[in-house]
C-alpha atoms as a PDB file:
ATOM      1  CA  MET A   1      11.063  41.062  19.764  1.00  0.00           C
ATOM      2  CA  SER A   2       9.636  43.950  21.756  1.00  0.00           C
ATOM      3  CA  ILE A   3       5.944  44.724  21.906  1.00  0.00           C
ATOM      4  CA  SER A   4       4.988  48.068  23.420  1.00  0.00           C
ATOM      5  CA  PRO A   5       1.683  49.030  25.107  1.00  0.00           C
ATOM      6  CA  GLY A   6      -0.972  50.192  22.659  1.00  0.00           C
ATOM      7  CA  THR A   7      -0.025  47.609  20.022  1.00  0.00           C
ATOM      8  CA  ILE A   8      -2.733  45.450  18.461  1.00  0.00           C
ATOM      9  CA  VAL A   9      -1.741  41.774  18.291  1.00  0.00           C
ATOM     10  CA  LYS A  10      -3.183  38.526  16.919  1.00  0.00           C
ATOM     11  CA  LEU A  11      -3.510  35.955  19.707  1.00  0.00           C
ATOM     12  CA  PRO A  12      -2.955  32.177  19.434  1.00  0.00           C
ATOM     13  CA  ASN A  13      -6.730  31.556  19.445  1.00  0.00           C
ATOM     14  CA  GLY A  14      -7.140  33.746  16.333  1.00  0.00           C
ATOM     15  CA  ARG A  15      -8.645  36.777  18.052  1.00  0.00           C
ATOM     16  CA  ASN A  16      -7.197  40.253  18.309  1.00  0.00           C
ATOM     17  CA  GLY A  17      -6.116  41.938  21.510  1.00  0.00           C
ATOM     18  CA  LEU A  18      -4.583  45.185  22.715  1.00  0.00           C
ATOM     19  CA  VAL A  19      -1.329  45.185  24.687  1.00  0.00           C
ATOM     20  CA  ILE A  20      -1.780  47.249  27.847  1.00  0.00           C
ATOM     21  CA  PRO A  21       0.694  48.457  30.475  1.00  0.00           C
ATOM     22  CA  SER A  22       0.931  46.148  33.465  1.00  0.00           C
ATOM     23  CA  PRO A  23       1.439  47.009  37.144  1.00  0.00           C
ATOM     24  CA  TRP A  24       4.396  44.619  37.292  1.00  0.00           C
ATOM     25  CA  TRP A  25       6.911  43.341  34.761  1.00  0.00           C
ATOM     26  CA  GLN A  26       7.223  39.698  33.708  1.00  0.00           C
ATOM     27  CA  PRO A  27      10.136  38.912  31.396  1.00  0.00           C
ATOM     28  CA  GLY A  28       9.045  37.517  28.033  1.00  0.00           C
ATOM     29  CA  ARG A  29       5.331  38.139  28.652  1.00  0.00           C
ATOM     30  CA  VAL A  30       2.833  40.875  27.810  1.00  0.00           C
ATOM     31  CA  LEU A  31      -0.539  41.734  29.329  1.00  0.00           C
ATOM     32  CA  VAL A  32      -3.266  41.730  26.672  1.00  0.00           C
ATOM     33  CA  LYS A  33      -6.783  43.131  26.964  1.00  0.00           C
ATOM     34  CA  MET A  34      -9.142  40.940  24.984  1.00  0.00           C
ATOM     35  CA  GLN A  35     -12.739  41.466  23.950  1.00  0.00           C
ATOM     36  CA  ARG A  36     -15.263  41.770  26.764  1.00  0.00           C
ATOM     37  CA  GLY A  37     -12.645  43.436  28.981  1.00  0.00           C
ATOM     38  CA  LYS A  38     -10.755  40.291  30.001  1.00  0.00           C
ATOM     39  CA  ARG A  39      -7.023  40.647  30.624  1.00  0.00           C
ATOM     40  CA  ARG A  40      -4.563  37.806  30.218  1.00  0.00           C
ATOM     41  CA  TRP A  41      -0.802  37.254  30.096  1.00  0.00           C
ATOM     42  CA  PHE A  42       0.685  35.843  26.870  1.00  0.00           C
ATOM     43  CA  LYS A  43       4.214  34.958  25.856  1.00  0.00           C
ATOM     44  CA  VAL A  44       5.728  37.433  23.418  1.00  0.00           C
ATOM     45  CA  GLU A  45       6.403  34.592  20.932  1.00  0.00           C
ATOM     46  CA  GLU A  46       2.685  33.675  20.862  1.00  0.00           C
ATOM     47  CA  CYS A  47       1.533  37.155  19.797  1.00  0.00           C
ATOM     48  CA  LYS A  48       1.821  38.325  16.206  1.00  0.00           C
ATOM     49  CA  LEU A  49       1.948  42.044  15.500  1.00  0.00           C
ATOM     50  CA  ILE A  50      -0.823  43.470  13.325  1.00  0.00           C
ATOM     51  CA  ARG A  51       0.525  46.229  11.127  1.00  0.00           C
ATOM     52  CA  THR A  52      -1.777  49.222  10.784  1.00  0.00           C
ATOM     53  CA  ASN A  53      -1.399  52.318   8.632  1.00  0.00           C
ATOM     54  CA  TYR A  54      -2.704  55.460  10.289  1.00  0.00           C
END
């Protein structure tokens, strides 16, 4: 599964986060910006895509 930057995801702790571009690439992981501006790496399998209709 591929998650691109700008995608909103549901995190394992139940909160939502925004996938952001990272300065370096880690296979199988994405950098997620959470509430309050914190950034954290998550495994792709842990994040669930949130479908939005614009």
